[in-house]
PDB file of N, CA and C in Angstrom:
ATOM      1  N   UNK A   1     171.069  54.274  62.842  1.00  0.00           N
ATOM      2  CA  UNK A   1     171.144  53.067  63.641  1.00  0.00           C
ATOM      3  C   UNK A   1     170.999  53.382  65.130  1.00  0.00           C
ATOM      4  N   UNK A   2     171.698  54.416  65.589  1.00  0.00           N
ATOM      5  CA  UNK A   2     171.633  54.805  66.996  1.00  0.00           C
ATOM      6  C   UNK A   2     170.210  55.237  67.365  1.00  0.00           C
ATOM      7  N   UNK A   3     169.567  55.953  66.447  1.00  0.00           N
ATOM      8  CA  UNK A   3     168.203  56.396  66.686  1.00  0.00           C
ATOM      9  C   UNK A   3     167.267  55.196  66.844  1.00  0.00           C
ATOM     10  N   UNK A   4     167.452  54.193  66.035  1.00  0.00           N
ATOM     11  CA  UNK A   4     166.641  52.983  66.111  1.00  0.00           C
ATOM     12  C   UNK A   4     166.866  52.273  67.437  1.00  0.00           C
ATOM     13  N   UNK A   5     168.106  52.195  67.875  1.00  0.00           N
ATOM     14  CA  UNK A   5     168.405  51.571  69.171  1.00  0.00           C
ATOM     15  C   UNK A   5     167.781  52.360  70.310  1.00  0.00           C
ATOM     16  N   UNK A   6     167.803  53.665  70.217  1.00  0.00           N
ATOM     17  CA  UNK A   6     167.180  54.511  71.246  1.00  0.00           C
ATOM     18  C   UNK A   6     165.679  54.260  71.303  1.00  0.00           C
ATOM     19  N   UNK A   7     165.062  54.165  70.151  1.00  0.00           N
ATOM     20  CA  UNK A   7     163.627  53.889  70.108  1.00  0.00           C
ATOM     21  C   UNK A   7     163.310  52.521  70.699  1.00  0.00           C
ATOM     22  N   UNK A   8     164.125  51.548  70.367  1.00  0.00           N
ATOM     23  CA  UNK A   8     163.923  50.201  70.912  1.00  0.00           C
ATOM     24  C   UNK A   8     164.077  50.218  72.428  1.00  0.00           C
ATOM     25  N   UNK A   9     165.080  50.917  72.934  1.00  0.00           N
ATOM     26  CA  UNK A   9     165.291  51.003  74.381  1.00  0.00           C
ATOM     27  C   UNK A   9     164.124  51.707  75.063  1.00  0.00           C
ATOM     28  N   UNK A  10     163.592  52.763  74.433  1.00  0.00           N
ATOM     29  CA  UNK A  10     162.427  53.454  75.003  1.00  0.00           C
ATOM     30  C   UNK A  10     161.228  52.513  75.053  1.00  0.00           C
ATOM     31  N   UNK A  11     161.042  51.760  73.995  1.00  0.00           N
ATOM     32  CA  UNK A  11     159.935  50.805  73.970  1.00  0.00           C
ATOM     33  C   UNK A  11     160.098  49.728  75.037  1.00  0.00           C
ATOM     34  N   UNK A  12     161.311  49.253  75.209  1.00  0.00           N
ATOM     35  CA  UNK A  12     161.583  48.247  76.243  1.00  0.00           C
ATOM     36  C   UNK A  12     161.264  48.813  77.620  1.00  0.00           C
ATOM     37  N   UNK A  13     161.706  50.041  77.893  1.00  0.00           N
ATOM     38  CA  UNK A  13     161.405  50.679  79.184  1.00  0.00           C
ATOM     39  C   UNK A  13     159.899  50.862  79.362  1.00  0.00           C
ATOM     40  N   UNK A  14     159.239  51.260  78.299  1.00  0.00           N
ATOM     41  CA  UNK A  14     157.795  51.453  78.356  1.00  0.00           C
ATOM     42  C   UNK A  14     157.080  50.142  78.674  1.00  0.00           C
ATOM     43  N   UNK A  15     157.503  49.078  78.038  1.00  0.00           N
ATOM     44  CA  UNK A  15     156.922  47.758  78.302  1.00  0.00           C
ATOM     45  C   UNK A  15     157.205  47.334  79.737  1.00  0.00           C
ATOM     46  N   UNK A  16     158.430  47.514  80.184  1.00  0.00           N
ATOM     47  CA  UNK A  16     158.794  47.144  81.554  1.00  0.00           C
ATOM     48  C   UNK A  16     157.990  47.946  82.576  1.00  0.00           C
ATOM     49  N   UNK A  17     157.749  49.221  82.279  1.00  0.00           N
ATOM     50  CA  UNK A  17     156.961  50.056  83.188  1.00  0.00           C
ATOM     51  C   UNK A  17     155.492  49.652  83.196  1.00  0.00           C
ATOM     52  N   UNK A  18     154.998  49.112  82.092  1.00  0.00           N
ATOM     53  CA  UNK A  18     153.592  48.728  81.990  1.00  0.00           C
ATOM     54  C   UNK A  18     153.301  47.380  82.657  1.00  0.00           C
ATOM     55  N   UNK A  19     154.303  46.557  82.844  1.00  0.00           N
ATOM     56  CA  UNK A  19     154.092  45.216  83.398  1.00  0.00           C
ATOM     57  C   UNK A  19     153.458  45.229  84.791  1.00  0.00           C
ATOM     58  N   UNK A  20     153.925  46.064  85.733  1.00  0.00           N
ATOM     59  CA  UNK A  20     153.269  46.077  87.045  1.00  0.00           C
ATOM     60  C   UNK A  20     151.806  46.527  86.966  1.00  0.00           C
ATOM     61  N   UNK A  21     151.525  47.487  86.103  1.00  0.00           N
ATOM     62  CA  UNK A  21     150.144  47.954  85.934  1.00  0.00           C
ATOM     63  C   UNK A  21     149.267  46.840  85.376  1.00  0.00           C
ATOM     64  N   UNK A  22     149.795  46.095  84.440  1.00  0.00           N
ATOM     65  CA  UNK A  22     149.056  44.960  83.877  1.00  0.00           C
ATOM     66  C   UNK A  22     148.764  43.929  84.967  1.00  0.00           C
ATOM     67  N   UNK A  23     149.760  43.632  85.782  1.00  0.00           N
ATOM     68  CA  UNK A  23     149.584  42.658  86.863  1.00  0.00           C
ATOM     69  C   UNK A  23     148.538  43.149  87.863  1.00  0.00           C
ATOM     70  N   UNK A  24     148.574  44.441  88.177  1.00  0.00           N
ATOM     71  CA  UNK A  24     147.597  45.015  89.111  1.00  0.00           C
ATOM     72  C   UNK A  24     146.188  44.889  88.541  1.00  0.00           C
ATOM     73  N   UNK A  25     146.045  45.217  87.280  1.00  0.00           N
ATOM     74  CA  UNK A  25     144.727  45.147  86.647  1.00  0.00           C
ATOM     75  C   UNK A  25     144.218  43.711  86.548  1.00  0.00           C
ATOM     76  N   UNK A  26     145.108  42.777  86.283  1.00  0.00           N
ATOM     77  CA  UNK A  26     144.703  41.370  86.246  1.00  0.00           C
ATOM     78  C   UNK A  26     144.238  40.916  87.624  1.00  0.00           C
ATOM     79  N   UNK A  27     144.907  41.392  88.673  1.00  0.00           N
ATOM     80  CA  UNK A  27     144.483  41.076  90.034  1.00  0.00           C
ATOM     81  C   UNK A  27     143.112  41.651  90.339  1.00  0.00           C
ATOM     82  N   UNK A  28     142.877  42.885  89.925  1.00  0.00           N
ATOM     83  CA  UNK A  28     141.571  43.506  90.133  1.00  0.00           C
ATOM     84  C   UNK A  28     140.486  42.754  89.372  1.00  0.00           C
ATOM     85  N   UNK A  29     140.797  42.347  88.153  1.00  0.00           N
ATOM     86  CA  UNK A  29     139.834  41.583  87.354  1.00  0.00           C
ATOM     87  C   UNK A  29     139.473  40.286  88.070  1.00  0.00           C
ATOM     88  N   UNK A  30     140.484  39.615  88.605  1.00  0.00           N
ATOM     89  CA  UNK A  30     140.246  38.357  89.319  1.00  0.00           C
ATOM     90  C   UNK A  30     139.336  38.584  90.521  1.00  0.00           C
ATOM     91  N   UNK A  31     139.592  39.648  91.267  1.00  0.00           N
ATOM     92  CA  UNK A  31     138.773  39.965  92.442  1.00  0.00           C
ATOM     93  C   UNK A  31     137.334  40.250  92.030  1.00  0.00           C
ATOM     94  N   UNK A  32     137.163  41.024  90.958  1.00  0.00           N
ATOM     95  CA  UNK A  32     135.816  41.360  90.496  1.00  0.00           C
ATOM     96  C   UNK A  32     135.068  40.128  89.991  1.00  0.00           C
ATOM     97  N   UNK A  33     135.761  39.261  89.278  1.00  0.00           N
ATOM     98  CA  UNK A  33     135.120  38.028  88.811  1.00  0.00           C
ATOM     99  C   UNK A  33     134.745  37.125  89.982  1.00  0.00           C
ATOM    100  N   UNK A  34     135.569  37.093  91.016  1.00  0.00           N
ATOM    101  CA  UNK A  34     135.245  36.312  92.216  1.00  0.00           C
ATOM    102  C   UNK A  34     134.016  36.889  92.906  1.00  0.00           C
ATOM    103  N   UNK A  35     133.914  38.220  92.944  1.00  0.00           N
ATOM    104  CA  UNK A  35     132.742  38.855  93.546  1.00  0.00           C
ATOM    105  C   UNK A  35     131.477  38.515  92.757  1.00  0.00           C
ATOM    106  N   UNK A  36     131.570  38.533  91.430  1.00  0.00           N
ATOM    107  CA  UNK A  36     130.419  38.144  90.607  1.00  0.00           C
ATOM    108  C   UNK A  36     130.011  36.702  90.893  1.00  0.00           C
ATOM    109  N   UNK A  37     131.000  35.839  91.041  1.00  0.00           N
ATOM    110  CA  UNK A  37     130.727  34.432  91.326  1.00  0.00           C
ATOM    111  C   UNK A  37     130.050  34.285  92.685  1.00  0.00           C
ATOM    112  N   UNK A  38     130.586  34.953  93.696  1.00  0.00           N
ATOM    113  CA  UNK A  38     130.056  34.829  95.049  1.00  0.00           C
ATOM    114  C   UNK A  38     128.673  35.454  95.197  1.00  0.00           C
ATOM    115  N   UNK A  39     128.462  36.609  94.601  1.00  0.00           N
ATOM    116  CA  UNK A  39     127.213  37.332  94.805  1.00  0.00           C
ATOM    117  C   UNK A  39     126.103  36.922  93.842  1.00  0.00           C
ATOM    118  N   UNK A  40     126.469  36.541  92.623  1.00  0.00           N
ATOM    119  CA  UNK A  40     125.450  36.268  91.614  1.00  0.00           C
ATOM    120  C   UNK A  40     125.590  34.900  90.951  1.00  0.00           C
ATOM    121  N   UNK A  41     126.548  34.108  91.388  1.00  0.00           N
ATOM    122  CA  UNK A  41     126.820  32.789  90.796  1.00  0.00           C
ATOM    123  C   UNK A  41     127.069  32.900  89.289  1.00  0.00           C
ATOM    124  N   UNK A  42     127.882  33.876  88.915  1.00  0.00           N
ATOM    125  CA  UNK A  42     128.206  34.152  87.514  1.00  0.00           C
ATOM    126  C   UNK A  42     129.685  33.857  87.304  1.00  0.00           C
ATOM    127  N   UNK A  43     129.983  33.175  86.202  1.00  0.00           N
ATOM    128  CA  UNK A  43     131.368  32.792  85.929  1.00  0.00           C
ATOM    129  C   UNK A  43     132.055  33.630  84.858  1.00  0.00           C
ATOM    130  N   UNK A  44     131.274  34.282  84.002  1.00  0.00           N
ATOM    131  CA  UNK A  44     131.882  35.006  82.887  1.00  0.00           C
ATOM    132  C   UNK A  44     131.286  36.402  82.754  1.00  0.00           C
ATOM    133  N   UNK A  45     132.002  37.252  82.031  1.00  0.00           N
ATOM    134  CA  UNK A  45     131.486  38.591  81.765  1.00  0.00           C
ATOM    135  C   UNK A  45     130.256  38.524  80.863  1.00  0.00           C
ATOM    136  N   UNK A  46     130.206  37.541  79.992  1.00  0.00           N
ATOM    137  CA  UNK A  46     129.036  37.365  79.125  1.00  0.00           C
ATOM    138  C   UNK A  46     127.793  37.101  79.973  1.00  0.00           C
ATOM    139  N   UNK A  47     127.925  36.241  80.970  1.00  0.00           N
ATOM    140  CA  UNK A  47     126.808  35.965  81.874  1.00  0.00           C
ATOM    141  C   UNK A  47     126.441  37.215  82.666  1.00  0.00           C
ATOM    142  N   UNK A  48     127.440  37.971  83.085  1.00  0.00           N
ATOM    143  CA  UNK A  48     127.188  39.202  83.834  1.00  0.00           C
ATOM    144  C   UNK A  48     126.422  40.203  82.981  1.00  0.00           C
ATOM    145  N   UNK A  49     126.805  40.344  81.721  1.00  0.00           N
ATOM    146  CA  UNK A  49     126.096  41.258  80.827  1.00  0.00           C
ATOM    147  C   UNK A  49     124.657  40.814  80.604  1.00  0.00           C
ATOM    148  N   UNK A  50     124.441  39.512  80.473  1.00  0.00           N
ATOM    149  CA  UNK A  50     123.084  38.994  80.292  1.00  0.00           C
ATOM    150  C   UNK A  50     122.238  39.284  81.529  1.00  0.00           C
ATOM    151  N   UNK A  51     122.805  39.063  82.707  1.00  0.00           N
ATOM    152  CA  UNK A  51     122.084  39.354  83.944  1.00  0.00           C
ATOM    153  C   UNK A  51     121.790  40.845  84.054  1.00  0.00           C
ATOM    154  N   UNK A  52     122.758  41.665  83.715  1.00  0.00           N
ATOM    155  CA  UNK A  52     122.570  43.113  83.765  1.00  0.00           C
ATOM    156  C   UNK A  52     121.412  43.544  82.870  1.00  0.00           C
ATOM    157  N   UNK A  53     121.366  43.033  81.656  1.00  0.00           N
ATOM    158  CA  UNK A  53     120.277  43.386  80.740  1.00  0.00           C
ATOM    159  C   UNK A  53     118.932  42.925  81.292  1.00  0.00           C
ATOM    160  N   UNK A  54     118.905  41.733  81.857  1.00  0.00           N
ATOM    161  CA  UNK A  54     117.677  41.213  82.449  1.00  0.00           C
ATOM    162  C   UNK A  54     117.216  42.096  83.612  1.00  0.00           C
ATOM    163  N   UNK A  55     118.149  42.490  84.461  1.00  0.00           N
ATOM    164  CA  UNK A  55     117.805  43.344  85.598  1.00  0.00           C
ATOM    165  C   UNK A  55     117.358  44.730  85.155  1.00  0.00           C
ATOM    166  N   UNK A  56     117.952  45.245  84.097  1.00  0.00           N
ATOM    167  CA  UNK A  56     117.523  46.543  83.563  1.00  0.00           C
ATOM    168  C   UNK A  56     116.074  46.478  83.085  1.00  0.00           C
ATOM    169  N   UNK A  57     115.724  45.390  82.394  1.00  0.00           N
ATOM    170  CA  UNK A  57     114.351  45.222  81.916  1.00  0.00           C
ATOM    171  C   UNK A  57     113.384  45.113  83.087  1.00  0.00           C
ATOM    172  N   UNK A  58     113.772  44.332  84.086  1.00  0.00           N
ATOM    173  CA  UNK A  58     112.929  44.177  85.268  1.00  0.00           C
ATOM    174  C   UNK A  58     112.744  45.516  85.973  1.00  0.00           C
ATOM    175  N   UNK A  59     113.797  46.285  86.079  1.00  0.00           N
ATOM    176  CA  UNK A  59     113.718  47.602  86.701  1.00  0.00           C
ATOM    177  C   UNK A  59     112.777  48.518  85.928  1.00  0.00           C
ATOM    178  N   UNK A  60     112.856  48.490  84.611  1.00  0.00           N
ATOM    179  CA  UNK A  60     111.981  49.329  83.786  1.00  0.00           C
ATOM    180  C   UNK A  60     110.518  48.950  83.998  1.00  0.00           C
ATOM    181  N   UNK A  61     110.234  47.655  84.074  1.00  0.00           N
ATOM    182  CA  UNK A  61     108.861  47.195  84.308  1.00  0.00           C
ATOM    183  C   UNK A  61     108.381  47.671  85.673  1.00  0.00           C
ATOM    184  N   UNK A  62     109.214  47.526  86.673  1.00  0.00           N
ATOM    185  CA  UNK A  62     108.822  47.944  88.027  1.00  0.00           C
ATOM    186  C   UNK A  62     108.621  49.451  88.111  1.00  0.00           C
ATOM    187  N   UNK A  63     109.471  50.210  87.465  1.00  0.00           N
ATOM    188  CA  UNK A  63     109.300  51.666  87.456  1.00  0.00           C
ATOM    189  C   UNK A  63     107.970  52.046  86.814  1.00  0.00           C
ATOM    190  N   UNK A  64     107.649  51.375  85.724  1.00  0.00           N
ATOM    191  CA  UNK A  64     106.390  51.648  85.029  1.00  0.00           C
ATOM    192  C   UNK A  64     105.203  51.339  85.934  1.00  0.00           C
ATOM    193  N   UNK A  65     105.253  50.222  86.646  1.00  0.00           N
ATOM    194  CA  UNK A  65     104.169  49.861  87.566  1.00  0.00           C
ATOM    195  C   UNK A  65     104.037  50.887  88.679  1.00  0.00           C
ATOM    196  N   UNK A  66     105.148  51.309  89.233  1.00  0.00           N
ATOM    197  CA  UNK A  66     105.118  52.318  90.294  1.00  0.00           C
ATOM    198  C   UNK A  66     104.520  53.615  89.758  1.00  0.00           C
ATOM    199  N   UNK A  67     104.931  54.012  88.560  1.00  0.00           N
ATOM    200  CA  UNK A  67     104.409  55.240  87.957  1.00  0.00           C
ATOM    201  C   UNK A  67     102.904  55.133  87.731  1.00  0.00           C
ATOM    202  N   UNK A  68     102.449  53.980  87.236  1.00  0.00           N
ATOM    203  CA  UNK A  68     101.021  53.771  87.013  1.00  0.00           C
ATOM    204  C   UNK A  68     100.246  53.849  88.325  1.00  0.00           C
ATOM    205  N   UNK A  69     100.756  53.208  89.364  1.00  0.00           N
ATOM    206  CA  UNK A  69     100.085  53.240  90.659  1.00  0.00           C
ATOM    207  C   UNK A  69     100.076  54.649  91.231  1.00  0.00           C
ATOM    208  N   UNK A  70     101.152  55.365  91.058  1.00  0.00           N
ATOM    209  CA  UNK A  70     101.218  56.744  91.525  1.00  0.00           C
ATOM    210  C   UNK A  70     100.181  57.602  90.804  1.00  0.00           C
ATOM    211  N   UNK A  71     100.067  57.420  89.498  1.00  0.00           N
ATOM    212  CA  UNK A  71      99.091  58.196  88.724  1.00  0.00           C
ATOM    213  C   UNK A  71      97.665  57.883  89.177  1.00  0.00           C
ATOM    214  N   UNK A  72      97.379  56.618  89.484  1.00  0.00           N
ATOM    215  CA  UNK A  72      96.056  56.245  89.988  1.00  0.00           C
ATOM    216  C   UNK A  72      95.777  56.918  91.325  1.00  0.00           C
ATOM    217  N   UNK A  73      96.765  56.879  92.212  1.00  0.00           N
ATOM    218  CA  UNK A  73      96.601  57.535  93.510  1.00  0.00           C
ATOM    219  C   UNK A  73      96.422  59.037  93.344  1.00  0.00           C
ATOM    220  N   UNK A  74      97.204  59.609  92.489  1.00  0.00           N
ATOM    221  CA  UNK A  74      97.146  61.048  92.253  1.00  0.00           C
ATOM    222  C   UNK A  74      95.776  61.452  91.696  1.00  0.00           C
ATOM    223  N   UNK A  75      95.223  60.623  90.837  1.00  0.00           N
ATOM    224  CA  UNK A  75      93.915  60.920  90.252  1.00  0.00           C
ATOM    225  C   UNK A  75      92.811  60.856  91.303  1.00  0.00           C
ATOM    226  N   UNK A  76      93.016  60.069  92.340  1.00  0.00           N
ATOM    227  CA  UNK A  76      92.006  59.907  93.379  1.00  0.00           C
ATOM    228  C   UNK A  76      92.006  61.006  94.429  1.00  0.00           C
ATOM    229  N   UNK A  77      93.007  61.851  94.445  1.00  0.00           N
ATOM    230  CA  UNK A  77      93.121  62.905  95.450  1.00  0.00           C
ATOM    231  C   UNK A  77      93.391  64.235  94.776  1.00  0.00           C
ATOM    232  N   UNK A  78      92.910  65.297  95.419  1.00  0.00           N
ATOM    233  CA  UNK A  78      93.221  66.628  94.904  1.00  0.00           C
ATOM    234  C   UNK A  78      94.590  67.040  95.405  1.00  0.00           C
ATOM    235  N   UNK A  79      95.375  67.606  94.518  1.00  0.00           N
ATOM    236  CA  UNK A  79      96.720  68.037  94.880  1.00  0.00           C
ATOM    237  C   UNK A  79      96.774  69.509  94.915  1.00  0.00           C
TER     238      UNK A  79
END
């Protein structure tokens, strides 16, 4: 019985110690979501992920175009 009470007390202390960290993280999440809203007009993480995927695709296309143009230039000159 005493062992069980000790375990319960340890768990209570652990929970109490975790509460400030949880509050800090919730505050950081709020700040980050506000930044997404202000900079990209995004309200949810789902929207942010969709935008991220779209931007990744756009970046890949642009990199490919740059590489193609570089290869054309390179072919036109002796290196």
